C-alpha atoms as a PDB file:
ATOM      1  CA  ALA A   1      -6.654  -2.305   8.905  1.00  0.00           C
ATOM      2  CA  GLN A   2      -8.185  -1.114  12.122  1.00  0.00           C
ATOM      3  CA  MET A   3      -6.896   1.606  14.402  1.00  0.00           C
ATOM      4  CA  ILE A   4      -7.561   1.817  18.100  1.00  0.00           C
ATOM      5  CA  GLU A   5      -8.216   5.214  19.632  1.00  0.00           C
ATOM      6  CA  SER A   6      -5.716   6.005  22.342  1.00  0.00           C
ATOM      7  CA  GLY A   7      -3.913   8.981  23.816  1.00  0.00           C
ATOM      8  CA  MET A   8      -1.168   8.625  21.202  1.00  0.00           C
ATOM      9  CA  VAL A   9      -3.070  10.660  18.625  1.00  0.00           C
ATOM     10  CA  GLU A  10      -5.722  13.320  18.876  1.00  0.00           C
ATOM     11  CA  SER A  11      -7.885  11.926  16.091  1.00  0.00           C
ATOM     12  CA  ALA A  12      -8.099   9.365  13.354  1.00  0.00           C
ATOM     13  CA  GLU A  13      -7.284  12.130  10.865  1.00  0.00           C
ATOM     14  CA  GLN A  14      -4.044  12.874  12.715  1.00  0.00           C
ATOM     15  CA  ALA A  15      -3.131   9.176  12.675  1.00  0.00           C
ATOM     16  CA  VAL A  16      -3.798   8.914   8.941  1.00  0.00           C
ATOM     17  CA  ALA A  17      -1.723  12.047   8.279  1.00  0.00           C
ATOM     18  CA  PHE A  18       1.177  10.624  10.312  1.00  0.00           C
ATOM     19  CA  LEU A  19       1.045   7.191   8.666  1.00  0.00           C
ATOM     20  CA  THR A  20       0.803   8.719   5.192  1.00  0.00           C
ATOM     21  CA  GLN A  21       4.099  10.536   5.823  1.00  0.00           C
ATOM     22  CA  LEU A  22       5.780   7.139   6.299  1.00  0.00           C
ATOM     23  CA  ILE A  23       4.800   5.935   2.822  1.00  0.00           C
ATOM     24  CA  PRO A  24       7.163   7.124   0.064  1.00  0.00           C
ATOM     25  CA  ALA A  25       4.269   7.207  -2.437  1.00  0.00           C
ATOM     26  CA  GLY A  26       2.565   9.681  -0.097  1.00  0.00           C
ATOM     27  CA  ARG A  27      -0.776   7.890   0.094  1.00  0.00           C
ATOM     28  CA  PHE A  28      -2.472   4.668   1.099  1.00  0.00           C
ATOM     29  CA  ALA A  29      -3.159   2.067  -1.564  1.00  0.00           C
ATOM     30  CA  GLU A  30      -6.482   2.195  -3.352  1.00  0.00           C
ATOM     31  CA  PRO A  31      -8.418  -0.806  -4.705  1.00  0.00           C
ATOM     32  CA  GLU A  32      -7.379   0.226  -8.226  1.00  0.00           C
ATOM     33  CA  ASP A  33      -3.712  -0.251  -7.277  1.00  0.00           C
ATOM     34  CA  LEU A  34      -4.331  -3.919  -6.518  1.00  0.00           C
ATOM     35  CA  ALA A  35      -6.533  -4.276  -9.599  1.00  0.00           C
ATOM     36  CA  ASP A  36      -3.718  -2.890 -11.784  1.00  0.00           C
ATOM     37  CA  LEU A  37      -1.316  -5.493 -10.400  1.00  0.00           C
ATOM     38  CA  MET A  38      -3.832  -8.287 -10.963  1.00  0.00           C
ATOM     39  CA  LEU A  39      -4.446  -7.139 -14.551  1.00  0.00           C
ATOM     40  CA  PHE A  40      -0.697  -7.092 -15.179  1.00  0.00           C
ATOM     41  CA  LEU A  41      -0.269 -10.592 -13.771  1.00  0.00           C
ATOM     42  CA  CYS A  42      -3.136 -11.867 -15.933  1.00  0.00           C
ATOM     43  CA  SER A  43      -1.705 -10.282 -19.074  1.00  0.00           C
ATOM     44  CA  ASP A  44       0.903 -11.518 -21.517  1.00  0.00           C
ATOM     45  CA  ALA A  45       3.254  -8.813 -20.183  1.00  0.00           C
ATOM     46  CA  SER A  46       3.907 -11.001 -17.132  1.00  0.00           C
ATOM     47  CA  ARG A  47       4.424 -14.255 -19.065  1.00  0.00           C
ATOM     48  CA  TYR A  48       8.039 -14.678 -17.907  1.00  0.00           C
ATOM     49  CA  PHE A  49       7.424 -14.066 -14.198  1.00  0.00           C
ATOM     50  CA  THR A  50       7.599 -17.184 -12.055  1.00  0.00           C
ATOM     51  CA  ALA A  51       7.495 -17.626  -8.299  1.00  0.00           C
ATOM     52  CA  SER A  52       7.621 -13.885  -7.693  1.00  0.00           C
ATOM     53  CA  GLU A  53       6.492 -11.912  -4.684  1.00  0.00           C
ATOM     54  CA  PHE A  54       4.992  -8.480  -5.204  1.00  0.00           C
ATOM     55  CA  THR A  55       4.753  -6.002  -2.347  1.00  0.00           C
ATOM     56  CA  LEU A  56       2.029  -3.439  -2.838  1.00  0.00           C
ATOM     57  CA  ASP A  57       2.864  -0.866  -0.145  1.00  0.00           C
ATOM     58  CA  GLY A  58       3.829   2.339  -1.914  1.00  0.00           C
ATOM     59  CA  GLY A  59       7.501   1.817  -1.097  1.00  0.00           C
ATOM     60  CA  TYR A  60       6.998   1.544   2.683  1.00  0.00           C
ATOM     61  CA  SER A  61       8.996  -1.673   3.040  1.00  0.00           C
ATOM     62  CA  ALA A  62      11.894  -0.235   1.026  1.00  0.00           C
ATOM     63  CA  ILE A  63      12.735   2.384   3.645  1.00  0.00           C
END
């Protein structure tokens, strides 16, 4: 995701701090988070999942 500098925030660090507060998990996703989901979906543990949608957003869409 890209951010555009504007008068709304003083710095990119301030924008990141503000956006992080909106995520219940308290942080942005890391590549490992997506990798963990992919490994789960490729494993036998997910053998009964069909036509499912997984949202990887740290709980943001649940609020």
